[in-house]
């Protein structure tokens, strides 16, 4: 016997699936932008510091060390 979903359950399922896909792609593009742009990381440190902390932890967890230490140095050098 095939179990069929009623139309409301299908709409809810599609909505949840779409929201998850938007979230995944949004997180990917945010990570990519923060990974390639030091200026964007500086903007994130002013507006959303908790997101920047998650970025630093995820890069360190993946084995890329030194980004957290290099950012303040680059900011100081660019001001001089």
N, C-alpha and C. Protein backbone atom coordinates (compact mmCIF):
# COMPACT_ATOMS: atom_id res chain seq x y z
N UNK A 1 0.83 -1.19 0.00
CA UNK A 1 0.00 0.00 0.00
C UNK A 1 0.87 1.25 0.00
N UNK A 2 0.55 2.14 -0.86
CA UNK A 2 1.29 3.40 -0.94
C UNK A 2 0.63 4.42 -0.03
N UNK A 3 1.45 5.05 0.76
CA UNK A 3 0.94 6.08 1.66
C UNK A 3 1.04 7.42 0.94
N UNK A 4 -0.08 8.09 0.78
CA UNK A 4 -0.07 9.38 0.09
C UNK A 4 -0.24 10.50 1.11
N UNK A 5 0.36 11.62 0.80
CA UNK A 5 0.25 12.78 1.66
C UNK A 5 -0.87 13.68 1.14
N UNK A 6 -1.55 14.32 2.06
CA UNK A 6 -2.58 15.25 1.60
C UNK A 6 -1.91 16.52 1.07
N UNK A 7 -2.61 17.34 0.33
CA UNK A 7 -2.00 18.52 -0.30
C UNK A 7 -1.37 19.49 0.69
N UNK A 8 -1.94 19.66 1.87
CA UNK A 8 -1.37 20.56 2.86
C UNK A 8 -0.02 20.05 3.35
N UNK A 9 0.10 18.76 3.58
CA UNK A 9 1.37 18.18 4.02
C UNK A 9 2.44 18.33 2.93
N UNK A 10 2.04 18.20 1.68
CA UNK A 10 2.99 18.38 0.58
C UNK A 10 3.49 19.81 0.53
N UNK A 11 2.59 20.77 0.71
CA UNK A 11 3.00 22.18 0.69
C UNK A 11 3.93 22.50 1.85
N UNK A 12 3.64 21.96 3.01
CA UNK A 12 4.50 22.19 4.18
C UNK A 12 5.87 21.56 3.95
N UNK A 13 5.90 20.35 3.43
CA UNK A 13 7.16 19.68 3.15
C UNK A 13 8.00 20.45 2.14
N UNK A 14 7.37 20.94 1.07
CA UNK A 14 8.09 21.71 0.06
C UNK A 14 8.61 23.02 0.66
N UNK A 15 7.83 23.65 1.52
CA UNK A 15 8.27 24.89 2.15
C UNK A 15 9.45 24.69 3.07
N UNK A 16 9.43 23.63 3.85
CA UNK A 16 10.54 23.32 4.75
C UNK A 16 11.79 22.96 3.94
N UNK A 17 11.63 22.18 2.90
CA UNK A 17 12.75 21.81 2.05
C UNK A 17 13.36 23.04 1.38
N UNK A 18 12.53 23.95 0.89
CA UNK A 18 13.02 25.16 0.27
C UNK A 18 13.76 26.04 1.28
N UNK A 19 13.22 26.17 2.49
CA UNK A 19 13.88 26.96 3.53
C UNK A 19 15.25 26.38 3.88
N UNK A 20 15.35 25.08 3.95
CA UNK A 20 16.64 24.45 4.25
C UNK A 20 17.64 24.67 3.12
N UNK A 21 17.20 24.56 1.89
CA UNK A 21 18.11 24.79 0.76
C UNK A 21 18.59 26.24 0.72
N UNK A 22 17.70 27.18 0.97
CA UNK A 22 18.09 28.59 1.01
C UNK A 22 19.11 28.81 2.12
N UNK A 23 18.90 28.20 3.27
CA UNK A 23 19.82 28.33 4.39
C UNK A 23 21.19 27.75 4.07
N UNK A 24 21.22 26.60 3.44
CA UNK A 24 22.49 25.96 3.10
C UNK A 24 23.27 26.80 2.09
N UNK A 25 22.60 27.24 1.04
CA UNK A 25 23.30 28.05 0.03
C UNK A 25 23.70 29.41 0.60
N UNK A 26 22.87 29.98 1.45
CA UNK A 26 23.23 31.25 2.08
C UNK A 26 24.46 31.11 2.96
N UNK A 27 24.52 30.04 3.73
CA UNK A 27 25.69 29.81 4.58
C UNK A 27 26.94 29.57 3.74
N UNK A 28 26.80 28.86 2.63
CA UNK A 28 27.94 28.61 1.75
C UNK A 28 28.48 29.92 1.17
N UNK A 29 27.60 30.76 0.64
CA UNK A 29 28.06 32.00 0.03
C UNK A 29 28.61 32.97 1.07
N UNK A 30 28.04 32.98 2.27
CA UNK A 30 28.59 33.81 3.34
C UNK A 30 29.98 33.34 3.72
N UNK A 31 30.17 32.04 3.86
CA UNK A 31 31.50 31.49 4.17
C UNK A 31 32.49 31.82 3.07
N UNK A 32 32.06 31.65 1.81
CA UNK A 32 32.96 31.92 0.69
C UNK A 32 33.37 33.39 0.67
N UNK A 33 32.43 34.29 0.92
CA UNK A 33 32.75 35.72 0.93
C UNK A 33 33.70 36.06 2.07
N UNK A 34 33.46 35.48 3.25
CA UNK A 34 34.34 35.75 4.39
C UNK A 34 35.70 35.11 4.19
N UNK A 35 35.77 34.02 3.46
CA UNK A 35 37.04 33.33 3.25
C UNK A 35 37.92 34.06 2.24
N UNK A 36 37.32 34.85 1.35
CA UNK A 36 38.09 35.51 0.30
C UNK A 36 38.30 37.00 0.53
N UNK A 37 37.55 37.62 1.44
CA UNK A 37 37.62 39.07 1.59
C UNK A 37 37.90 39.46 3.04
N UNK A 38 39.09 40.00 3.27
CA UNK A 38 39.44 40.45 4.62
C UNK A 38 38.61 41.67 5.01
N UNK A 39 38.28 42.52 4.05
CA UNK A 39 37.43 43.68 4.32
C UNK A 39 36.04 43.28 4.77
N UNK A 40 35.51 42.22 4.16
CA UNK A 40 34.20 41.72 4.56
C UNK A 40 34.25 41.16 5.97
N UNK A 41 35.34 40.49 6.31
CA UNK A 41 35.49 39.99 7.68
C UNK A 41 35.54 41.14 8.67
N UNK A 42 36.16 42.26 8.29
CA UNK A 42 36.20 43.42 9.17
C UNK A 42 34.79 43.98 9.36
N UNK A 43 34.01 44.04 8.30
CA UNK A 43 32.63 44.49 8.41
C UNK A 43 31.84 43.55 9.31
N UNK A 44 32.05 42.25 9.15
CA UNK A 44 31.34 41.27 9.98
C UNK A 44 31.75 41.40 11.45
N UNK A 45 33.02 41.76 11.70
CA UNK A 45 33.45 41.88 13.09
C UNK A 45 32.77 43.06 13.78
N UNK A 46 32.37 44.07 13.02
CA UNK A 46 31.67 45.22 13.59
C UNK A 46 30.18 44.95 13.76
N UNK A 47 29.57 44.32 12.76
CA UNK A 47 28.12 44.13 12.77
C UNK A 47 27.67 42.83 13.42
N UNK A 48 28.37 41.74 13.11
CA UNK A 48 27.97 40.42 13.59
C UNK A 48 29.18 39.66 14.11
N UNK A 49 29.73 40.02 15.27
CA UNK A 49 30.94 39.36 15.75
C UNK A 49 30.76 37.87 16.05
N UNK A 50 29.56 37.46 16.41
CA UNK A 50 29.34 36.04 16.71
C UNK A 50 29.47 35.19 15.46
N UNK A 51 29.08 35.71 14.29
CA UNK A 51 29.23 34.97 13.05
C UNK A 51 30.71 34.84 12.69
N UNK A 52 31.48 35.90 12.95
CA UNK A 52 32.91 35.85 12.67
C UNK A 52 33.61 34.84 13.56
N UNK A 53 33.17 34.72 14.82
CA UNK A 53 33.75 33.71 15.71
C UNK A 53 33.48 32.30 15.19
N UNK A 54 32.29 32.06 14.67
CA UNK A 54 31.96 30.76 14.09
C UNK A 54 32.83 30.49 12.87
N UNK A 55 33.05 31.52 12.06
CA UNK A 55 33.92 31.38 10.89
C UNK A 55 35.34 31.00 11.31
N UNK A 56 35.88 31.72 12.30
CA UNK A 56 37.24 31.42 12.76
C UNK A 56 37.33 29.99 13.30
N UNK A 57 36.35 29.57 14.08
CA UNK A 57 36.38 28.22 14.65
C UNK A 57 36.28 27.16 13.56
N UNK A 58 35.44 27.41 12.55
CA UNK A 58 35.28 26.41 11.49
C UNK A 58 36.54 26.30 10.64
N UNK A 59 37.21 27.43 10.38
CA UNK A 59 38.45 27.35 9.59
C UNK A 59 39.56 26.68 10.40
N UNK A 60 39.63 26.97 11.69
CA UNK A 60 40.63 26.31 12.52
C UNK A 60 40.36 24.83 12.66
N UNK A 61 39.08 24.47 12.73
CA UNK A 61 38.71 23.06 12.82
C UNK A 61 39.09 22.31 11.54
N UNK A 62 39.02 23.02 10.40
CA UNK A 62 39.36 22.37 9.13
C UNK A 62 40.86 22.37 8.85
N UNK A 63 41.65 23.01 9.74
CA UNK A 63 43.10 22.95 9.60
C UNK A 63 43.74 24.20 9.06
N UNK A 64 42.98 25.24 8.80
CA UNK A 64 43.54 26.50 8.30
C UNK A 64 43.74 27.44 9.49
N UNK A 65 44.96 27.51 9.97
CA UNK A 65 45.25 28.33 11.14
C UNK A 65 45.86 29.66 10.72
N UNK A 66 45.72 30.66 11.57
CA UNK A 66 46.39 31.94 11.37
C UNK A 66 45.51 33.05 10.85
N UNK A 67 44.32 32.76 10.38
CA UNK A 67 43.46 33.81 9.85
C UNK A 67 43.04 34.76 10.96
N UNK A 68 42.70 34.20 12.11
CA UNK A 68 42.28 35.02 13.26
C UNK A 68 43.39 35.97 13.69
N UNK A 69 44.62 35.51 13.62
CA UNK A 69 45.75 36.34 14.05
C UNK A 69 46.14 37.35 12.98
N UNK A 70 45.97 37.01 11.71
CA UNK A 70 46.37 37.90 10.63
C UNK A 70 45.42 39.07 10.44
N UNK A 71 44.15 38.90 10.73
CA UNK A 71 43.18 39.97 10.50
C UNK A 71 43.50 41.25 11.27
N UNK A 72 43.76 41.20 12.58
CA UNK A 72 44.09 42.47 13.27
C UNK A 72 45.38 43.10 12.77
N UNK A 73 46.36 42.26 12.40
CA UNK A 73 47.61 42.78 11.86
C UNK A 73 47.38 43.51 10.55
N UNK A 74 46.57 42.95 9.68
CA UNK A 74 46.28 43.59 8.39
C UNK A 74 45.50 44.90 8.59
N UNK A 75 44.59 44.92 9.58
CA UNK A 75 43.85 46.16 9.85
C UNK A 75 44.78 47.25 10.33
N UNK A 76 45.73 46.90 11.20
CA UNK A 76 46.68 47.89 11.68
C UNK A 76 47.59 48.39 10.57
N UNK A 77 48.04 47.50 9.71
CA UNK A 77 48.92 47.90 8.61
C UNK A 77 48.18 48.77 7.59
N UNK A 78 46.90 48.52 7.38
CA UNK A 78 46.16 49.32 6.42
C UNK A 78 45.86 50.71 6.95
N UNK A 79 45.79 50.88 8.26
CA UNK A 79 45.55 52.21 8.85
C UNK A 79 46.81 53.06 8.80
N UNK A 80 47.98 52.44 8.82
CA UNK A 80 49.25 53.20 8.80
C UNK A 80 49.66 53.62 7.43
